[in-house]
Amino acid sequence: MSTVSRRIFALASLIEPESVAVWQWFMSTPLIGSGGMTACELFFAGHGDRVIAFLRHSLTEHFAENTVVPFPLSWNPMRPVRSRTAYLAY
């Protein structure tokens, strides 16, 4: 397995953790903007970089849609734990 194919499957698994679904996507789903070519066809045509760019763009959009909740201002990771129940809450 080449570095490019490893990178493709690693990025795709961030979107879909089920390896069978990733393999099916790789083999049979045409990518948007690829002229109807699948990730597999692009990869074997020497355009694995386009598949990687597609996946990175998809991940960027996915994480941009999710709301990140910051820690409360009172949270201090250096504060000593005073009770056993507080320790279990972490």
C-alpha atoms as a PDB file:
ATOM      1  CA  MET A   1       0.000   0.000   0.000  1.00  0.00           C
ATOM      2  CA  SER A   2       1.433   3.360  -0.984  1.00  0.00           C
ATOM      3  CA  THR A   3       1.701   6.457   1.165  1.00  0.00           C
ATOM      4  CA  VAL A   4      -1.032   8.156  -0.865  1.00  0.00           C
ATOM      5  CA  SER A   5      -3.457   5.257  -0.493  1.00  0.00           C
ATOM      6  CA  ARG A   6      -2.741   5.060   3.251  1.00  0.00           C
ATOM      7  CA  ARG A   7      -3.453   8.759   3.558  1.00  0.00           C
ATOM      8  CA  ILE A   8      -6.701   8.403   1.579  1.00  0.00           C
ATOM      9  CA  PHE A   9      -7.945   5.576   3.795  1.00  0.00           C
ATOM     10  CA  ALA A  10      -6.842   7.336   6.995  1.00  0.00           C
ATOM     11  CA  LEU A  11      -8.720  10.510   6.051  1.00  0.00           C
ATOM     12  CA  ALA A  12     -11.776   8.588   4.882  1.00  0.00           C
ATOM     13  CA  SER A  13     -11.873   6.663   8.156  1.00  0.00           C
ATOM     14  CA  LEU A  14     -12.165   9.981  10.018  1.00  0.00           C
ATOM     15  CA  ILE A  15     -15.416  10.546   8.148  1.00  0.00           C
ATOM     16  CA  GLU A  16     -16.646   6.939   8.207  1.00  0.00           C
ATOM     17  CA  PRO A  17     -15.078   4.622  10.809  1.00  0.00           C
ATOM     18  CA  GLU A  18     -16.572   1.444   9.279  1.00  0.00           C
ATOM     19  CA  SER A  19     -13.836   0.030   7.016  1.00  0.00           C
ATOM     20  CA  VAL A  20     -16.267  -1.831   4.743  1.00  0.00           C
ATOM     21  CA  ALA A  21     -18.174   1.413   4.078  1.00  0.00           C
ATOM     22  CA  VAL A  22     -14.897   3.243   3.349  1.00  0.00           C
ATOM     23  CA  TRP A  23     -13.900   0.534   0.875  1.00  0.00           C
ATOM     24  CA  GLN A  24     -17.306   0.694  -0.843  1.00  0.00           C
ATOM     25  CA  TRP A  25     -17.031   4.486  -1.071  1.00  0.00           C
ATOM     26  CA  PHE A  26     -13.510   4.225  -2.497  1.00  0.00           C
ATOM     27  CA  MET A  27     -14.543   1.715  -5.142  1.00  0.00           C
ATOM     28  CA  SER A  28     -17.972   2.879  -6.243  1.00  0.00           C
ATOM     29  CA  THR A  29     -18.920   6.458  -5.307  1.00  0.00           C
ATOM     30  CA  PRO A  30     -18.181   9.138  -7.912  1.00  0.00           C
ATOM     31  CA  LEU A  31     -16.617  12.227  -6.343  1.00  0.00           C
ATOM     32  CA  ILE A  32     -18.185  15.629  -6.854  1.00  0.00           C
ATOM     33  CA  GLY A  33     -16.179  17.617  -9.386  1.00  0.00           C
ATOM     34  CA  SER A  34     -14.282  14.602 -10.713  1.00  0.00           C
ATOM     35  CA  GLY A  35     -16.216  14.085 -13.916  1.00  0.00           C
ATOM     36  CA  GLY A  36     -17.952  11.021 -12.528  1.00  0.00           C
ATOM     37  CA  MET A  37     -14.751   9.238 -11.489  1.00  0.00           C
ATOM     38  CA  THR A  38     -14.531   7.311  -8.229  1.00  0.00           C
ATOM     39  CA  ALA A  39     -11.732   7.760  -5.711  1.00  0.00           C
ATOM     40  CA  CYS A  40     -10.292   4.448  -6.916  1.00  0.00           C
ATOM     41  CA  GLU A  41     -10.272   5.562 -10.552  1.00  0.00           C
ATOM     42  CA  LEU A  42      -8.642   8.869  -9.641  1.00  0.00           C
ATOM     43  CA  PHE A  43      -6.049   7.115  -7.506  1.00  0.00           C
ATOM     44  CA  PHE A  44      -5.053   4.681 -10.245  1.00  0.00           C
ATOM     45  CA  ALA A  45      -5.003   7.500 -12.803  1.00  0.00           C
ATOM     46  CA  GLY A  46      -2.320   9.174 -10.697  1.00  0.00           C
ATOM     47  CA  HIS A  47      -4.622  11.744  -9.106  1.00  0.00           C
ATOM     48  CA  GLY A  48      -4.604  10.533  -5.510  1.00  0.00           C
ATOM     49  CA  ASP A  49      -3.780  14.093  -4.487  1.00  0.00           C
ATOM     50  CA  ARG A  50      -7.223  15.162  -5.748  1.00  0.00           C
ATOM     51  CA  VAL A  51      -8.870  12.500  -3.581  1.00  0.00           C
ATOM     52  CA  ILE A  52      -6.882  13.712  -0.561  1.00  0.00           C
ATOM     53  CA  ALA A  53      -7.890  17.317  -1.279  1.00  0.00           C
ATOM     54  CA  PHE A  54     -11.536  16.242  -1.562  1.00  0.00           C
ATOM     55  CA  LEU A  55     -11.371  14.418   1.789  1.00  0.00           C
ATOM     56  CA  ARG A  56      -9.601  17.310   3.522  1.00  0.00           C
ATOM     57  CA  HIS A  57     -12.220  19.710   2.205  1.00  0.00           C
ATOM     58  CA  SER A  58     -15.001  17.374   3.394  1.00  0.00           C
ATOM     59  CA  LEU A  59     -13.427  17.136   6.848  1.00  0.00           C
ATOM     60  CA  THR A  60     -13.032  20.907   7.053  1.00  0.00           C
ATOM     61  CA  GLU A  61     -16.711  21.392   6.247  1.00  0.00           C
ATOM     62  CA  HIS A  62     -17.716  18.667   8.708  1.00  0.00           C
ATOM     63  CA  PHE A  63     -15.781  20.170  11.612  1.00  0.00           C
ATOM     64  CA  ALA A  64     -16.865  23.718  10.725  1.00  0.00           C
ATOM     65  CA  GLU A  65     -20.515  22.645  11.110  1.00  0.00           C
ATOM     66  CA  ASN A  66     -19.951  21.177  14.569  1.00  0.00           C
ATOM     67  CA  THR A  67     -20.026  23.497  17.550  1.00  0.00           C
ATOM     68  CA  VAL A  68     -17.024  23.354  19.834  1.00  0.00           C
ATOM     69  CA  VAL A  69     -17.929  23.975  23.461  1.00  0.00           C
ATOM     70  CA  PRO A  70     -15.074  25.675  25.321  1.00  0.00           C
ATOM     71  CA  PHE A  71     -14.158  24.854  28.896  1.00  0.00           C
ATOM     72  CA  PRO A  72     -15.804  27.136  31.455  1.00  0.00           C
ATOM     73  CA  LEU A  73     -13.661  30.032  32.609  1.00  0.00           C
ATOM     74  CA  SER A  74     -13.535  28.561  36.110  1.00  0.00           C
ATOM     75  CA  TRP A  75     -11.914  25.335  34.862  1.00  0.00           C
ATOM     76  CA  ASN A  76      -8.277  25.053  35.872  1.00  0.00           C
ATOM     77  CA  PRO A  77      -6.304  21.929  34.922  1.00  0.00           C
ATOM     78  CA  MET A  78      -3.625  22.755  37.519  1.00  0.00           C
ATOM     79  CA  ARG A  79      -6.082  22.888  40.433  1.00  0.00           C
ATOM     80  CA  PRO A  80      -5.486  20.023  42.875  1.00  0.00           C
ATOM     81  CA  VAL A  81      -8.264  17.503  43.231  1.00  0.00           C
ATOM     82  CA  ARG A  82      -9.753  17.755  46.733  1.00  0.00           C
ATOM     83  CA  SER A  83     -12.179  14.861  46.889  1.00  0.00           C
ATOM     84  CA  ARG A  84     -12.503  11.388  45.471  1.00  0.00           C
ATOM     85  CA  THR A  85     -15.817  12.210  43.770  1.00  0.00           C
ATOM     86  CA  ALA A  86     -14.238  15.192  42.015  1.00  0.00           C
ATOM     87  CA  TYR A  87     -11.467  12.877  40.802  1.00  0.00           C
ATOM     88  CA  LEU A  88     -14.009  10.411  39.407  1.00  0.00           C
ATOM     89  CA  ALA A  89     -15.832  13.208  37.587  1.00  0.00           C
ATOM     90  CA  TYR A  90     -12.802  13.855  35.391  1.00  0.00           C
END
